[in-house]
């Protein structure tokens, strides 16, 4: 018997679809140091997966005398400049899995805490139409780990989040998707993930297919 396909697959962006976390860390470091502060790699890792307004709070506490909106705009501008300069660094297997989902007719949404202009920039450079919907950090009231972003993604696709798979690399993102009721696949990247935080942990998306996602959905349903 062929496993049932997910109603949709909801994708995180930074660290899951694209390897932009080093770009964010570089942008944060430049900004904080420009105000005379210091920013360690360990401090930067604490922001992985967090909403930009939460990150701006921490950056302001490091002495950056700018509004939340100014901090977010400066960081986004710097990350996007790096995307243009160095290209978009796709995570292994991510584009291939996304393309397979499209060919199998499975709806997809991008659910990210990056702001809309950056999310759409990445989506538009996939080389194919990869997403039916995009939910960005400025599209929601509550950021991850609150369930609103993933609930909004499912709503835009007209599906029940409980019938969806979410793919995430960070604990805040996983908790957001889990709270929304989705089946969650964690793919650790910049930070380790606890064994019990997601339904399944995969070391990479390399060579993963739609059939693998359907298998995860069936296995979780059988528990």
C-alpha atoms as a PDB file:
ATOM      1  CA  UNK A   1       0.000   0.000   0.000  1.00  0.00           C
ATOM      2  CA  UNK A   2       1.378   3.399  -0.991  1.00  0.00           C
ATOM      3  CA  UNK A   3       1.677   5.783   2.007  1.00  0.00           C
ATOM      4  CA  UNK A   4      -0.610   8.819   1.933  1.00  0.00           C
ATOM      5  CA  UNK A   5       1.100  12.014   0.838  1.00  0.00           C
ATOM      6  CA  UNK A   6       1.108  14.955   3.261  1.00  0.00           C
ATOM      7  CA  UNK A   7      -1.575  17.566   2.645  1.00  0.00           C
ATOM      8  CA  UNK A   8       1.276  20.059   2.352  1.00  0.00           C
ATOM      9  CA  UNK A   9       4.895  20.547   3.328  1.00  0.00           C
ATOM     10  CA  UNK A  10       5.801  23.681   5.267  1.00  0.00           C
ATOM     11  CA  UNK A  11       9.419  24.788   4.972  1.00  0.00           C
ATOM     12  CA  UNK A  12      11.588  26.889   7.204  1.00  0.00           C
ATOM     13  CA  UNK A  13      14.073  28.988   5.248  1.00  0.00           C
ATOM     14  CA  UNK A  14      17.255  30.075   7.074  1.00  0.00           C
ATOM     15  CA  UNK A  15      19.312  27.009   7.910  1.00  0.00           C
ATOM     16  CA  UNK A  16      16.811  24.597   6.316  1.00  0.00           C
ATOM     17  CA  UNK A  17      16.338  25.677   2.709  1.00  0.00           C
ATOM     18  CA  UNK A  18      19.344  27.995   2.557  1.00  0.00           C
ATOM     19  CA  UNK A  19      22.608  28.271   4.466  1.00  0.00           C
ATOM     20  CA  UNK A  20      22.207  31.922   5.429  1.00  0.00           C
ATOM     21  CA  UNK A  21      22.930  31.622   9.152  1.00  0.00           C
ATOM     22  CA  UNK A  22      26.611  32.608   8.639  1.00  0.00           C
ATOM     23  CA  UNK A  23      25.384  35.691   6.739  1.00  0.00           C
ATOM     24  CA  UNK A  24      23.141  36.654   9.655  1.00  0.00           C
ATOM     25  CA  UNK A  25      25.971  36.149  12.158  1.00  0.00           C
ATOM     26  CA  UNK A  26      28.269  38.325  10.056  1.00  0.00           C
ATOM     27  CA  UNK A  27      25.613  41.040   9.787  1.00  0.00           C
ATOM     28  CA  UNK A  28      24.929  40.974  13.542  1.00  0.00           C
ATOM     29  CA  UNK A  29      28.641  41.163  14.351  1.00  0.00           C
ATOM     30  CA  UNK A  30      29.228  44.117  12.008  1.00  0.00           C
ATOM     31  CA  UNK A  31      26.269  46.033  13.411  1.00  0.00           C
ATOM     32  CA  UNK A  32      27.086  45.474  17.077  1.00  0.00           C
ATOM     33  CA  UNK A  33      30.785  46.256  16.588  1.00  0.00           C
ATOM     34  CA  UNK A  34      29.873  49.482  14.753  1.00  0.00           C
ATOM     35  CA  UNK A  35      28.317  50.652  18.050  1.00  0.00           C
ATOM     36  CA  UNK A  36      31.384  49.637  20.056  1.00  0.00           C
ATOM     37  CA  UNK A  37      30.046  46.312  21.304  1.00  0.00           C
ATOM     38  CA  UNK A  38      31.258  42.743  20.939  1.00  0.00           C
ATOM     39  CA  UNK A  39      29.404  39.676  19.670  1.00  0.00           C
ATOM     40  CA  UNK A  40      30.630  36.129  20.173  1.00  0.00           C
ATOM     41  CA  UNK A  41      29.794  33.120  18.022  1.00  0.00           C
ATOM     42  CA  UNK A  42      28.092  31.521  21.032  1.00  0.00           C
ATOM     43  CA  UNK A  43      25.871  34.583  21.505  1.00  0.00           C
ATOM     44  CA  UNK A  44      24.973  34.548  17.824  1.00  0.00           C
ATOM     45  CA  UNK A  45      23.928  30.899  18.001  1.00  0.00           C
ATOM     46  CA  UNK A  46      21.368  31.811  20.666  1.00  0.00           C
ATOM     47  CA  UNK A  47      19.447  33.775  18.014  1.00  0.00           C
ATOM     48  CA  UNK A  48      19.192  30.917  15.502  1.00  0.00           C
ATOM     49  CA  UNK A  49      15.518  30.344  14.775  1.00  0.00           C
ATOM     50  CA  UNK A  50      14.328  33.343  16.779  1.00  0.00           C
ATOM     51  CA  UNK A  51      11.990  36.026  15.497  1.00  0.00           C
ATOM     52  CA  UNK A  52      13.696  39.196  14.311  1.00  0.00           C
ATOM     53  CA  UNK A  53      12.012  41.405  16.921  1.00  0.00           C
ATOM     54  CA  UNK A  54      13.280  39.086  19.667  1.00  0.00           C
ATOM     55  CA  UNK A  55      16.744  39.245  18.114  1.00  0.00           C
ATOM     56  CA  UNK A  56      16.524  43.035  17.915  1.00  0.00           C
ATOM     57  CA  UNK A  57      15.809  43.159  21.666  1.00  0.00           C
ATOM     58  CA  UNK A  58      19.050  41.307  22.364  1.00  0.00           C
ATOM     59  CA  UNK A  59      21.039  43.405  19.892  1.00  0.00           C
ATOM     60  CA  UNK A  60      19.709  46.630  21.437  1.00  0.00           C
ATOM     61  CA  UNK A  61      20.858  45.304  24.827  1.00  0.00           C
ATOM     62  CA  UNK A  62      24.362  45.019  23.334  1.00  0.00           C
ATOM     63  CA  UNK A  63      24.421  48.794  22.851  1.00  0.00           C
ATOM     64  CA  UNK A  64      22.966  49.235  19.366  1.00  0.00           C
ATOM     65  CA  UNK A  65      21.051  52.508  19.684  1.00  0.00           C
ATOM     66  CA  UNK A  66      18.510  51.909  16.919  1.00  0.00           C
ATOM     67  CA  UNK A  67      14.826  51.040  16.846  1.00  0.00           C
ATOM     68  CA  UNK A  68      13.741  47.440  16.350  1.00  0.00           C
ATOM     69  CA  UNK A  69      12.676  48.258  12.798  1.00  0.00           C
ATOM     70  CA  UNK A  70      16.016  49.911  11.981  1.00  0.00           C
ATOM     71  CA  UNK A  71      17.946  46.922  13.319  1.00  0.00           C
ATOM     72  CA  UNK A  72      15.850  44.485  11.304  1.00  0.00           C
ATOM     73  CA  UNK A  73      16.222  46.555   8.132  1.00  0.00           C
ATOM     74  CA  UNK A  74      19.992  46.899   8.529  1.00  0.00           C
ATOM     75  CA  UNK A  75      20.473  43.195   9.173  1.00  0.00           C
ATOM     76  CA  UNK A  76      18.226  42.243   6.270  1.00  0.00           C
ATOM     77  CA  UNK A  77      19.984  44.670   3.912  1.00  0.00           C
ATOM     78  CA  UNK A  78      23.371  43.209   4.849  1.00  0.00           C
ATOM     79  CA  UNK A  79      22.240  39.594   4.465  1.00  0.00           C
ATOM     80  CA  UNK A  80      20.617  40.329   1.110  1.00  0.00           C
ATOM     81  CA  UNK A  81      23.786  42.074  -0.049  1.00  0.00           C
ATOM     82  CA  UNK A  82      25.710  38.890   0.757  1.00  0.00           C
ATOM     83  CA  UNK A  83      23.146  36.812  -1.132  1.00  0.00           C
ATOM     84  CA  UNK A  84      23.741  38.991  -4.180  1.00  0.00           C
ATOM     85  CA  UNK A  85      27.526  39.014  -3.765  1.00  0.00           C
ATOM     86  CA  UNK A  86      28.082  35.350  -2.985  1.00  0.00           C
ATOM     87  CA  UNK A  87      24.905  33.742  -4.355  1.00  0.00           C
ATOM     88  CA  UNK A  88      22.223  31.790  -2.514  1.00  0.00           C
ATOM     89  CA  UNK A  89      23.790  28.875  -0.618  1.00  0.00           C
ATOM     90  CA  UNK A  90      21.176  26.110  -0.860  1.00  0.00           C
ATOM     91  CA  UNK A  91      21.248  23.412   1.803  1.00  0.00           C
ATOM     92  CA  UNK A  92      22.113  19.906   0.527  1.00  0.00           C
ATOM     93  CA  UNK A  93      19.100  18.176  -0.996  1.00  0.00           C
ATOM     94  CA  UNK A  94      16.664  20.984  -0.203  1.00  0.00           C
ATOM     95  CA  UNK A  95      15.959  22.238  -3.731  1.00  0.00           C
ATOM     96  CA  UNK A  96      15.839  18.687  -5.060  1.00  0.00           C
ATOM     97  CA  UNK A  97      13.280  17.630  -2.451  1.00  0.00           C
ATOM     98  CA  UNK A  98      11.233  20.762  -3.037  1.00  0.00           C
ATOM     99  CA  UNK A  99      11.223  20.131  -6.792  1.00  0.00           C
ATOM    100  CA  UNK A 100      10.138  16.516  -6.228  1.00  0.00           C
ATOM    101  CA  UNK A 101       7.249  17.722  -4.062  1.00  0.00           C
ATOM    102  CA  UNK A 102       6.168  20.085  -6.829  1.00  0.00           C
ATOM    103  CA  UNK A 103       6.306  17.299  -9.395  1.00  0.00           C
ATOM    104  CA  UNK A 104       4.209  15.086  -7.098  1.00  0.00           C
ATOM    105  CA  UNK A 105       1.610  17.842  -6.713  1.00  0.00           C
ATOM    106  CA  UNK A 106       2.122  18.382  -2.974  1.00  0.00           C
ATOM    107  CA  UNK A 107       1.373  21.998  -1.925  1.00  0.00           C
ATOM    108  CA  UNK A 108       4.189  23.852  -0.205  1.00  0.00           C
ATOM    109  CA  UNK A 109       4.615  26.995   1.867  1.00  0.00           C
ATOM    110  CA  UNK A 110       7.695  28.853   3.033  1.00  0.00           C
ATOM    111  CA  UNK A 111       7.381  29.758   6.724  1.00  0.00           C
ATOM    112  CA  UNK A 112      10.206  32.007   7.868  1.00  0.00           C
ATOM    113  CA  UNK A 113      10.899  34.696  10.429  1.00  0.00           C
ATOM    114  CA  UNK A 114      12.939  36.660   7.874  1.00  0.00           C
ATOM    115  CA  UNK A 115      10.986  39.617   6.517  1.00  0.00           C
ATOM    116  CA  UNK A 116       8.942  39.396   3.359  1.00  0.00           C
ATOM    117  CA  UNK A 117      11.338  41.025   0.893  1.00  0.00           C
ATOM    118  CA  UNK A 118      14.078  38.554   1.752  1.00  0.00           C
ATOM    119  CA  UNK A 119      11.763  35.533   1.774  1.00  0.00           C
ATOM    120  CA  UNK A 120      10.436  36.386  -1.676  1.00  0.00           C
ATOM    121  CA  UNK A 121      13.958  37.057  -2.979  1.00  0.00           C
ATOM    122  CA  UNK A 122      15.011  33.525  -2.023  1.00  0.00           C
ATOM    123  CA  UNK A 123      11.789  31.956  -3.335  1.00  0.00           C
ATOM    124  CA  UNK A 124      12.117  33.768  -6.650  1.00  0.00           C
ATOM    125  CA  UNK A 125      15.657  32.456  -7.204  1.00  0.00           C
ATOM    126  CA  UNK A 126      14.902  28.749  -6.837  1.00  0.00           C
ATOM    127  CA  UNK A 127      14.903  28.263 -10.602  1.00  0.00           C
ATOM    128  CA  UNK A 128      11.289  27.039 -10.515  1.00  0.00           C
ATOM    129  CA  UNK A 129       8.030  28.004  -8.806  1.00  0.00           C
ATOM    130  CA  UNK A 130       8.652  26.345  -5.472  1.00  0.00           C
ATOM    131  CA  UNK A 131       5.989  27.674  -3.114  1.00  0.00           C
ATOM    132  CA  UNK A 132       2.246  28.171  -3.185  1.00  0.00           C
ATOM    133  CA  UNK A 133       2.449  30.561  -0.237  1.00  0.00           C
ATOM    134  CA  UNK A 134       5.012  32.522   1.758  1.00  0.00           C
ATOM    135  CA  UNK A 135       4.651  33.451   5.427  1.00  0.00           C
ATOM    136  CA  UNK A 136       7.331  35.885   6.601  1.00  0.00           C
ATOM    137  CA  UNK A 137       8.136  37.464   9.935  1.00  0.00           C
ATOM    138  CA  UNK A 138       6.265  40.652   9.083  1.00  0.00           C
ATOM    139  CA  UNK A 139       3.155  38.679   8.099  1.00  0.00           C
ATOM    140  CA  UNK A 140       2.420  37.440  11.628  1.00  0.00           C
ATOM    141  CA  UNK A 141       1.857  38.934  15.064  1.00  0.00           C
ATOM    142  CA  UNK A 142       3.660  36.194  16.973  1.00  0.00           C
ATOM    143  CA  UNK A 143       7.011  34.746  15.920  1.00  0.00           C
ATOM    144  CA  UNK A 144       8.337  31.221  16.342  1.00  0.00           C
ATOM    145  CA  UNK A 145       8.125  29.320  18.729  1.00  0.00           C
ATOM    146  CA  UNK A 146       4.486  30.475  18.770  1.00  0.00           C
ATOM    147  CA  UNK A 147       2.335  28.306  16.441  1.00  0.00           C
ATOM    148  CA  UNK A 148       0.916  31.268  14.492  1.00  0.00           C
ATOM    149  CA  UNK A 149       3.436  31.143  11.598  1.00  0.00           C
ATOM    150  CA  UNK A 150       2.749  27.484  10.801  1.00  0.00           C
ATOM    151  CA  UNK A 151      -0.975  27.784  11.362  1.00  0.00           C
ATOM    152  CA  UNK A 152      -0.944  30.702   8.936  1.00  0.00           C
ATOM    153  CA  UNK A 153       0.990  28.682   6.367  1.00  0.00           C
ATOM    154  CA  UNK A 154      -1.532  25.837   6.519  1.00  0.00           C
ATOM    155  CA  UNK A 155      -4.418  28.300   6.376  1.00  0.00           C
ATOM    156  CA  UNK A 156      -3.074  29.938   3.216  1.00  0.00           C
ATOM    157  CA  UNK A 157      -2.892  26.512   1.582  1.00  0.00           C
ATOM    158  CA  UNK A 158      -6.381  25.573   2.755  1.00  0.00           C
ATOM    159  CA  UNK A 159      -5.202  22.498   4.660  1.00  0.00           C
ATOM    160  CA  UNK A 160      -5.194  21.206   8.228  1.00  0.00           C
ATOM    161  CA  UNK A 161      -1.785  21.705   9.852  1.00  0.00           C
ATOM    162  CA  UNK A 162      -2.158  18.267  11.460  1.00  0.00           C
ATOM    163  CA  UNK A 163      -1.981  16.711   7.981  1.00  0.00           C
ATOM    164  CA  UNK A 164       1.185  18.631   7.074  1.00  0.00           C
ATOM    165  CA  UNK A 165       4.881  18.001   7.456  1.00  0.00           C
ATOM    166  CA  UNK A 166       7.120  20.844   8.604  1.00  0.00           C
ATOM    167  CA  UNK A 167      10.870  20.842   7.998  1.00  0.00           C
ATOM    168  CA  UNK A 168      12.958  22.863  10.448  1.00  0.00           C
ATOM    169  CA  UNK A 169      16.540  23.246  11.669  1.00  0.00           C
ATOM    170  CA  UNK A 170      16.063  25.081  14.990  1.00  0.00           C
ATOM    171  CA  UNK A 171      14.344  24.368  18.272  1.00  0.00           C
ATOM    172  CA  UNK A 172      12.135  27.522  18.198  1.00  0.00           C
ATOM    173  CA  UNK A 173      10.972  26.588  14.700  1.00  0.00           C
ATOM    174  CA  UNK A 174      10.320  22.988  15.624  1.00  0.00           C
ATOM    175  CA  UNK A 175       8.320  24.018  18.683  1.00  0.00           C
ATOM    176  CA  UNK A 176       6.287  26.396  16.514  1.00  0.00           C
ATOM    177  CA  UNK A 177       5.434  23.678  14.007  1.00  0.00           C
ATOM    178  CA  UNK A 178       4.791  21.093  16.709  1.00  0.00           C
ATOM    179  CA  UNK A 179       2.445  23.457  18.564  1.00  0.00           C
ATOM    180  CA  UNK A 180       0.577  24.015  15.285  1.00  0.00           C
ATOM    181  CA  UNK A 181      -0.031  20.267  15.112  1.00  0.00           C
ATOM    182  CA  UNK A 182       2.253  19.431  12.186  1.00  0.00           C
ATOM    183  CA  UNK A 183       4.461  16.383  11.893  1.00  0.00           C
ATOM    184  CA  UNK A 184       7.957  17.811  12.287  1.00  0.00           C
ATOM    185  CA  UNK A 185      11.211  16.706  10.700  1.00  0.00           C
ATOM    186  CA  UNK A 186      14.247  18.309  12.300  1.00  0.00           C
ATOM    187  CA  UNK A 187      17.391  18.739  10.216  1.00  0.00           C
ATOM    188  CA  UNK A 188      20.061  20.129  12.576  1.00  0.00           C
ATOM    189  CA  UNK A 189      22.525  22.602  11.127  1.00  0.00           C
ATOM    190  CA  UNK A 190      24.099  25.388  13.189  1.00  0.00           C
ATOM    191  CA  UNK A 191      22.834  24.106  16.533  1.00  0.00           C
ATOM    192  CA  UNK A 192      22.225  20.624  17.885  1.00  0.00           C
ATOM    193  CA  UNK A 193      18.658  19.490  18.480  1.00  0.00           C
ATOM    194  CA  UNK A 194      17.446  17.340  21.384  1.00  0.00           C
ATOM    195  CA  UNK A 195      16.476  13.832  20.279  1.00  0.00           C
ATOM    196  CA  UNK A 196      12.899  14.284  21.465  1.00  0.00           C
ATOM    197  CA  UNK A 197      12.155  17.776  20.129  1.00  0.00           C
ATOM    198  CA  UNK A 198      10.879  16.672  16.694  1.00  0.00           C
ATOM    199  CA  UNK A 199       9.014  13.615  15.463  1.00  0.00           C
ATOM    200  CA  UNK A 200      12.055  12.629  13.370  1.00  0.00           C
ATOM    201  CA  UNK A 201      15.614  13.940  13.054  1.00  0.00           C
ATOM    202  CA  UNK A 202      17.400  13.635   9.721  1.00  0.00           C
ATOM    203  CA  UNK A 203      21.079  14.582   9.426  1.00  0.00           C
ATOM    204  CA  UNK A 204      20.480  15.984   5.934  1.00  0.00           C
ATOM    205  CA  UNK A 205      17.871  16.297   3.174  1.00  0.00           C
ATOM    206  CA  UNK A 206      20.307  14.855   0.638  1.00  0.00           C
ATOM    207  CA  UNK A 207      18.632  12.089  -1.420  1.00  0.00           C
ATOM    208  CA  UNK A 208      15.322  12.511   0.441  1.00  0.00           C
ATOM    209  CA  UNK A 209      12.133  12.309  -1.613  1.00  0.00           C
ATOM    210  CA  UNK A 210       8.396  12.833  -1.326  1.00  0.00           C
ATOM    211  CA  UNK A 211       8.083   9.113  -0.608  1.00  0.00           C
ATOM    212  CA  UNK A 212      10.343   9.529   2.439  1.00  0.00           C
ATOM    213  CA  UNK A 213       8.086  12.294   3.759  1.00  0.00           C
ATOM    214  CA  UNK A 214       5.020  10.114   3.236  1.00  0.00           C
ATOM    215  CA  UNK A 215       6.770   7.359   5.155  1.00  0.00           C
ATOM    216  CA  UNK A 216       7.366   9.690   8.113  1.00  0.00           C
ATOM    217  CA  UNK A 217       3.710  10.733   8.093  1.00  0.00           C
ATOM    218  CA  UNK A 218       2.604   7.079   8.095  1.00  0.00           C
ATOM    219  CA  UNK A 219       5.026   6.130  10.864  1.00  0.00           C
ATOM    220  CA  UNK A 220       3.879   8.963  13.116  1.00  0.00           C
ATOM    221  CA  UNK A 221       0.210   8.118  12.466  1.00  0.00           C
ATOM    222  CA  UNK A 222       0.887   4.494  13.442  1.00  0.00           C
ATOM    223  CA  UNK A 223       2.383   5.368  16.826  1.00  0.00           C
END
